[in-house]
Amino acid sequence: MASAKVCTQCEGSGVNSVDHFNGRFKAGAVCWLCRGKREILCGNCNGAGFVGGFMSTLEE
């Protein structure tokens, strides 16, 4: 099982500090990468929960 680390985009705040992707994700809105959870997966995944082609089912 992969472990979590502080989100590299919001640095653990849970919100975007600047606009991303031409304004699709606005500053002050929920972080586009961690969706406000403040952590992302690390290890053998791409940060979006994909490990070996299978999506992680770990939920809060």
C-alpha atoms as a PDB file:
ATOM      1  CA  MET A   1       0.000   0.000   0.000  1.00  0.00           C
ATOM      2  CA  ALA A   2       1.303   3.419  -0.911  1.00  0.00           C
ATOM      3  CA  SER A   3       1.705   6.045   1.747  1.00  0.00           C
ATOM      4  CA  ALA A   4       0.734   9.691   1.579  1.00  0.00           C
ATOM      5  CA  LYS A   5       2.822  12.832   1.527  1.00  0.00           C
ATOM      6  CA  VAL A   6       2.010  16.534   1.698  1.00  0.00           C
ATOM      7  CA  CYS A   7       0.491  17.728  -1.571  1.00  0.00           C
ATOM      8  CA  THR A   8       3.160  19.247  -3.793  1.00  0.00           C
ATOM      9  CA  GLN A   9       0.784  21.777  -5.357  1.00  0.00           C
ATOM     10  CA  CYS A  10      -0.975  23.336  -2.354  1.00  0.00           C
ATOM     11  CA  GLU A  11       1.797  22.454   0.127  1.00  0.00           C
ATOM     12  CA  GLY A  12      -0.756  21.080   2.570  1.00  0.00           C
ATOM     13  CA  SER A  13      -3.158  24.025   2.572  1.00  0.00           C
ATOM     14  CA  GLY A  14      -5.869  22.254   0.546  1.00  0.00           C
ATOM     15  CA  VAL A  15      -6.438  25.262  -1.725  1.00  0.00           C
ATOM     16  CA  ASN A  16      -4.834  26.546  -4.937  1.00  0.00           C
ATOM     17  CA  SER A  17      -2.452  29.431  -4.320  1.00  0.00           C
ATOM     18  CA  VAL A  18      -2.608  30.519  -7.990  1.00  0.00           C
ATOM     19  CA  ASP A  19      -4.778  29.794 -11.040  1.00  0.00           C
ATOM     20  CA  HIS A  20      -3.886  26.570 -12.867  1.00  0.00           C
ATOM     21  CA  PHE A  21      -4.535  25.341 -16.407  1.00  0.00           C
ATOM     22  CA  ASN A  22      -5.546  28.696 -17.922  1.00  0.00           C
ATOM     23  CA  GLY A  23      -7.932  29.493 -15.068  1.00  0.00           C
ATOM     24  CA  ARG A  24      -9.753  26.172 -15.013  1.00  0.00           C
ATOM     25  CA  PHE A  25      -8.735  25.774 -11.359  1.00  0.00           C
ATOM     26  CA  LYS A  26      -8.870  29.158  -9.621  1.00  0.00           C
ATOM     27  CA  ALA A  27      -6.696  30.495  -6.816  1.00  0.00           C
ATOM     28  CA  GLY A  28      -8.507  30.064  -3.500  1.00  0.00           C
ATOM     29  CA  ALA A  29     -10.532  27.090  -4.759  1.00  0.00           C
ATOM     30  CA  VAL A  30     -10.052  23.479  -3.626  1.00  0.00           C
ATOM     31  CA  CYS A  31      -6.634  22.185  -4.745  1.00  0.00           C
ATOM     32  CA  TRP A  32      -6.803  20.595  -8.191  1.00  0.00           C
ATOM     33  CA  LEU A  33      -4.357  17.825  -7.268  1.00  0.00           C
ATOM     34  CA  CYS A  34      -5.377  16.640  -3.794  1.00  0.00           C
ATOM     35  CA  ARG A  35      -9.016  17.888  -3.975  1.00  0.00           C
ATOM     36  CA  GLY A  36      -8.620  19.508  -0.565  1.00  0.00           C
ATOM     37  CA  LYS A  37      -7.344  16.392   1.208  1.00  0.00           C
ATOM     38  CA  ARG A  38      -3.926  18.052   1.694  1.00  0.00           C
ATOM     39  CA  GLU A  39      -2.086  14.821   0.881  1.00  0.00           C
ATOM     40  CA  ILE A  40      -1.276  12.833  -2.244  1.00  0.00           C
ATOM     41  CA  LEU A  41      -0.143   9.260  -2.682  1.00  0.00           C
ATOM     42  CA  CYS A  42       3.533   8.547  -3.093  1.00  0.00           C
ATOM     43  CA  GLY A  43       5.537   5.495  -3.945  1.00  0.00           C
ATOM     44  CA  ASN A  44       4.695   3.534  -7.081  1.00  0.00           C
ATOM     45  CA  CYS A  45       1.935   5.818  -8.319  1.00  0.00           C
ATOM     46  CA  ASN A  46       1.558   9.042 -10.248  1.00  0.00           C
ATOM     47  CA  GLY A  47      -0.010  11.068  -7.417  1.00  0.00           C
ATOM     48  CA  ALA A  48      -3.527  10.564  -8.777  1.00  0.00           C
ATOM     49  CA  GLY A  49      -4.023   7.148  -7.216  1.00  0.00           C
ATOM     50  CA  PHE A  50      -3.015   5.003 -10.160  1.00  0.00           C
ATOM     51  CA  VAL A  51      -0.761   2.062  -9.334  1.00  0.00           C
ATOM     52  CA  GLY A  52       0.084  -0.407 -12.059  1.00  0.00           C
ATOM     53  CA  GLY A  53      -2.885   0.692 -14.141  1.00  0.00           C
ATOM     54  CA  PHE A  54      -5.466   0.205 -11.389  1.00  0.00           C
ATOM     55  CA  MET A  55      -7.138   3.077  -9.604  1.00  0.00           C
ATOM     56  CA  SER A  56      -6.798   3.141  -5.846  1.00  0.00           C
ATOM     57  CA  THR A  57     -10.089   2.580  -3.990  1.00  0.00           C
ATOM     58  CA  LEU A  58      -8.849   4.084  -0.733  1.00  0.00           C
ATOM     59  CA  GLU A  59     -11.473   6.569   0.459  1.00  0.00           C
ATOM     60  CA  GLU A  60     -11.762   8.774   3.516  1.00  0.00           C
END
